[in-house]
Amino acid sequence: MVENKIEKDNNPLIEANKYLDEGRYEKAIELYEKLIEDSLKTHKIKEVGMAYHNMGVVYDTQKKHDLAIESFQKALENHKMINNYRGVSWAYFSIGLTYGQLNNYKEMIEYFKKSIDFGVKAQDNEIVLKSYNGIGHAFIQLKEYPESLKYLNKGLELSIDSVNLYYVSETYYLRGISLENLNLRNEATESFTLAIDYAAKSGNEQIVALAFPKISELQS
């Protein structure tokens, strides 16, 4: 997530985010660093946390994983100072994602669990579901399919009206993968079908493309 829900007068962050979106990473980092320096002087801690988070996104995009984790950790520290639970939850989530790119799935799981804790405090069901999906994915990579199902099913306990259906489709797809690996073919087919239904509603074309062949394989 690129944090950009900011006050209208916070033009430096808007400008830096624009450079990030355009792929002008060095310029974006330069502006984030300047924003951090200025915001520390004026004790605008939330802006410091947001700038560090987005700087982490830049480094993550560049595959500079150590620098990305360091930036997300600094974002975490600043968001914790002001009890910005939403910022904390997204920082934990971003660290977890980065560990996932490094194939360090155990660390990924631990950070996603923390993201869930603070996402619940922030009443941000979207980050909670994304984190459950991330844990489910990590356990699939570790071939621990019952554990994957446990967390994916918890994600599905969230109110459908409170989350983006795009992520619900991912939950059902990952659930189908776990069920398939447990040789629960009928249940897996049902889960992949639901993944397609929610993916079609939300425009998640990738899940549609992935789930259809799975159903064909299971029915052959």
Protein backbone atom coordinates (compact mmCIF):
# COMPACT_ATOMS: atom_id res chain seq x y z
CA MET A 1 0.00 0.00 0.00
CA VAL A 2 1.18 3.49 -0.82
CA GLU A 3 -0.09 5.74 1.91
CA ASN A 4 -1.66 8.77 0.27
CA LYS A 5 -4.78 9.59 2.28
CA ILE A 6 -3.38 12.88 3.44
CA GLU A 7 -4.38 16.45 4.08
CA LYS A 8 -4.81 18.55 0.97
CA ASP A 9 -2.06 20.95 2.05
CA ASN A 10 0.53 18.18 2.33
CA ASN A 11 1.83 18.76 -1.19
CA PRO A 12 5.34 17.28 -0.67
CA LEU A 13 3.92 13.80 -0.05
CA ILE A 14 1.56 14.10 -3.01
CA GLU A 15 4.46 15.14 -5.22
CA ALA A 16 6.71 12.35 -3.94
CA ASN A 17 3.96 9.77 -4.50
CA LYS A 18 3.57 11.07 -8.05
CA TYR A 19 7.25 10.37 -8.73
CA LEU A 20 6.80 6.91 -7.20
CA ASP A 21 3.84 6.18 -9.48
CA GLU A 22 5.88 7.36 -12.49
CA GLY A 23 8.81 5.12 -11.58
CA ARG A 24 11.14 8.03 -10.87
CA TYR A 25 12.40 6.37 -7.75
CA GLU A 26 15.49 8.41 -6.92
CA LYS A 27 13.49 11.63 -7.10
CA ALA A 28 10.76 10.09 -4.94
CA ILE A 29 13.29 9.03 -2.30
CA GLU A 30 14.84 12.48 -2.32
CA LEU A 31 11.46 14.07 -1.61
CA TYR A 32 10.52 11.51 1.05
CA GLU A 33 13.79 12.18 2.86
CA LYS A 34 13.18 15.94 2.71
CA LEU A 35 9.62 15.45 3.97
CA ILE A 36 10.87 13.33 6.87
CA GLU A 37 13.41 16.00 7.81
CA ASP A 38 10.84 18.81 7.69
CA SER A 39 8.11 16.81 9.46
CA LEU A 40 10.43 15.88 12.32
CA LYS A 41 11.13 19.57 12.89
CA THR A 42 7.40 20.30 13.13
CA HIS A 43 6.58 17.10 15.05
CA LYS A 44 4.26 15.80 12.32
CA ILE A 45 4.84 12.18 13.26
CA LYS A 46 2.10 10.71 11.07
CA GLU A 47 3.67 12.30 7.99
CA VAL A 48 7.06 10.90 9.00
CA GLY A 49 5.56 7.42 9.21
CA MET A 50 3.82 7.77 5.87
CA ALA A 51 6.97 9.00 4.15
CA TYR A 52 9.05 6.13 5.55
CA HIS A 53 6.38 3.64 4.47
CA ASN A 54 6.29 4.92 0.91
CA MET A 55 10.08 5.04 0.79
CA GLY A 56 9.96 1.36 1.73
CA VAL A 57 7.65 0.77 -1.22
CA VAL A 58 10.25 2.37 -3.50
CA TYR A 59 13.03 0.15 -2.18
CA ASP A 60 10.80 -2.92 -2.36
CA THR A 61 10.00 -2.13 -6.00
CA GLN A 62 13.74 -1.89 -6.65
CA LYS A 63 14.29 -5.27 -4.95
CA LYS A 64 16.40 -3.58 -2.27
CA HIS A 65 14.78 -5.69 0.40
CA ASP A 66 17.03 -4.78 3.33
CA LEU A 67 16.43 -1.07 2.78
CA ALA A 68 12.70 -1.71 2.32
CA ILE A 69 12.44 -3.55 5.64
CA GLU A 70 14.47 -0.84 7.37
CA SER A 71 12.12 1.86 6.02
CA PHE A 72 8.99 -0.07 6.98
CA GLN A 73 10.41 -0.59 10.48
CA LYS A 74 10.95 3.16 10.83
CA ALA A 75 7.39 3.75 9.62
CA LEU A 76 6.25 1.27 12.26
CA GLU A 77 8.12 3.09 15.03
CA ASN A 78 6.59 6.44 14.13
CA HIS A 79 3.04 5.13 13.74
CA LYS A 80 3.34 3.43 17.14
CA MET A 81 4.33 6.74 18.75
CA ILE A 82 0.92 8.19 17.99
CA ASN A 83 -1.14 5.00 18.20
CA ASN A 84 -1.91 5.13 14.48
CA TYR A 85 -3.17 1.55 14.38
CA ARG A 86 -3.93 1.61 10.68
CA GLY A 87 -0.42 2.78 9.87
CA VAL A 88 1.03 0.14 12.20
CA SER A 89 -1.01 -2.64 10.60
CA TRP A 90 0.03 -1.68 7.06
CA ALA A 91 3.69 -1.39 8.12
CA TYR A 92 3.62 -4.89 9.59
CA PHE A 93 1.88 -6.13 6.43
CA SER A 94 4.50 -4.56 4.16
CA ILE A 95 7.34 -6.10 6.17
CA GLY A 96 5.61 -9.46 5.88
CA LEU A 97 5.29 -9.09 2.12
CA THR A 98 8.97 -8.30 1.81
CA TYR A 99 9.93 -11.38 3.82
CA GLY A 100 7.66 -13.37 1.51
CA GLN A 101 9.66 -12.14 -1.49
CA LEU A 102 12.74 -13.46 0.29
CA ASN A 103 10.98 -16.84 0.73
CA ASN A 104 11.19 -16.40 4.48
CA TYR A 105 7.68 -17.63 5.11
CA LYS A 106 7.93 -18.07 8.86
CA GLU A 107 8.83 -14.40 9.32
CA MET A 108 6.13 -13.52 6.81
CA ILE A 109 3.54 -15.30 8.94
CA GLU A 110 4.64 -13.61 12.17
CA TYR A 111 4.41 -10.13 10.68
CA PHE A 112 1.02 -10.82 9.10
CA LYS A 113 -0.28 -11.98 12.48
CA LYS A 114 0.78 -8.64 13.96
CA SER A 115 -0.86 -6.86 11.03
CA ILE A 116 -4.12 -8.63 11.86
CA ASP A 117 -3.90 -7.59 15.52
CA PHE A 118 -3.55 -3.92 14.69
CA GLY A 119 -5.92 -4.12 11.72
CA VAL A 120 -8.62 -5.29 14.11
CA LYS A 121 -7.84 -2.37 16.43
CA ALA A 122 -8.08 0.00 13.47
CA GLN A 123 -11.31 -1.69 12.30
CA ASP A 124 -9.68 -2.08 8.88
CA ASN A 125 -11.09 -5.37 7.63
CA GLU A 126 -9.34 -5.02 4.28
CA ILE A 127 -5.86 -5.30 5.78
CA VAL A 128 -7.12 -8.06 8.07
CA LEU A 129 -8.32 -10.14 5.11
CA LYS A 130 -5.18 -9.42 3.07
CA SER A 131 -3.12 -10.59 6.04
CA TYR A 132 -5.16 -13.79 6.45
CA ASN A 133 -4.63 -14.43 2.73
CA GLY A 134 -0.92 -13.82 3.15
CA ILE A 135 -0.71 -16.30 6.01
CA GLY A 136 -2.70 -18.81 3.97
CA HIS A 137 -0.29 -18.38 1.06
CA ALA A 138 2.75 -18.74 3.34
CA PHE A 139 1.48 -21.99 4.84
CA ILE A 140 0.79 -23.31 1.32
CA GLN A 141 4.42 -22.61 0.44
CA LEU A 142 5.43 -24.48 3.59
CA LYS A 143 3.06 -27.33 2.56
CA GLU A 144 1.15 -26.96 5.82
CA TYR A 145 -2.29 -27.10 4.25
CA PRO A 146 -4.49 -27.58 7.36
CA GLU A 147 -2.87 -24.47 8.90
CA SER A 148 -3.47 -22.58 5.67
CA LEU A 149 -7.15 -23.53 5.72
CA LYS A 150 -7.49 -22.45 9.35
CA TYR A 151 -6.44 -18.89 8.57
CA LEU A 152 -8.23 -18.63 5.23
CA ASN A 153 -11.47 -19.74 6.89
CA LYS A 154 -10.97 -17.06 9.54
CA GLY A 155 -10.71 -14.52 6.74
CA LEU A 156 -14.01 -15.72 5.33
CA GLU A 157 -15.65 -15.10 8.70
CA LEU A 158 -15.32 -11.36 8.06
CA SER A 159 -18.42 -9.60 6.78
CA ILE A 160 -18.45 -9.63 2.97
CA ASP A 161 -19.83 -6.09 3.04
CA SER A 162 -16.77 -4.88 4.96
CA VAL A 163 -14.09 -6.04 2.52
CA ASN A 164 -13.13 -5.73 -1.13
CA LEU A 165 -14.48 -8.71 -3.08
CA TYR A 166 -11.20 -8.71 -5.03
CA TYR A 167 -9.49 -10.10 -1.93
CA VAL A 168 -12.37 -12.46 -1.16
CA SER A 169 -11.77 -14.10 -4.55
CA GLU A 170 -8.11 -14.59 -3.58
CA THR A 171 -9.17 -16.17 -0.29
CA TYR A 172 -11.34 -18.74 -2.05
CA TYR A 173 -8.62 -19.46 -4.61
CA LEU A 174 -5.98 -20.07 -1.94
CA ARG A 175 -8.48 -22.17 -0.01
CA GLY A 176 -9.02 -24.24 -3.15
CA ILE A 177 -5.28 -24.84 -3.44
CA SER A 178 -5.11 -26.12 0.13
CA LEU A 179 -8.16 -28.34 -0.30
CA GLU A 180 -6.78 -29.73 -3.55
CA ASN A 181 -3.52 -30.65 -1.86
CA LEU A 182 -5.49 -32.42 0.88
CA ASN A 183 -7.21 -34.40 -1.89
CA LEU A 184 -10.61 -32.89 -1.02
CA ARG A 185 -11.58 -32.58 -4.66
CA ASN A 186 -15.25 -31.66 -4.32
CA GLU A 187 -14.57 -29.02 -1.70
CA ALA A 188 -11.70 -27.65 -3.78
CA THR A 189 -13.91 -27.41 -6.87
CA GLU A 190 -16.54 -25.53 -4.88
CA SER A 191 -13.92 -23.11 -3.53
CA PHE A 192 -12.43 -22.45 -6.99
CA THR A 193 -15.97 -21.85 -8.32
CA LEU A 194 -16.61 -19.27 -5.61
CA ALA A 195 -13.23 -17.71 -6.38
CA ILE A 196 -14.34 -17.23 -9.97
CA ASP A 197 -17.71 -15.80 -8.92
CA TYR A 198 -16.16 -13.17 -6.66
CA ALA A 199 -13.35 -12.49 -9.11
CA ALA A 200 -15.87 -11.80 -11.88
CA LYS A 201 -17.77 -9.40 -9.62
CA SER A 202 -14.62 -7.52 -8.62
CA GLY A 203 -12.69 -7.60 -11.89
CA ASN A 204 -9.91 -9.86 -10.59
CA GLU A 205 -9.04 -11.33 -13.98
CA GLN A 206 -5.94 -13.10 -12.69
CA ILE A 207 -7.94 -15.27 -10.30
CA VAL A 208 -10.45 -16.11 -13.04
CA ALA A 209 -7.59 -17.22 -15.28
CA LEU A 210 -6.00 -19.31 -12.52
CA ALA A 211 -9.13 -20.92 -11.14
CA PHE A 212 -10.75 -22.17 -14.38
CA PRO A 213 -7.93 -24.62 -15.22
CA LYS A 214 -8.00 -25.88 -11.64
CA ILE A 215 -11.66 -26.78 -11.95
CA SER A 216 -11.02 -28.52 -15.29
CA GLU A 217 -8.20 -30.56 -13.75
CA LEU A 218 -10.34 -31.60 -10.79
CA GLN A 219 -13.25 -32.62 -13.00
CA SER A 220 -11.16 -34.60 -15.48
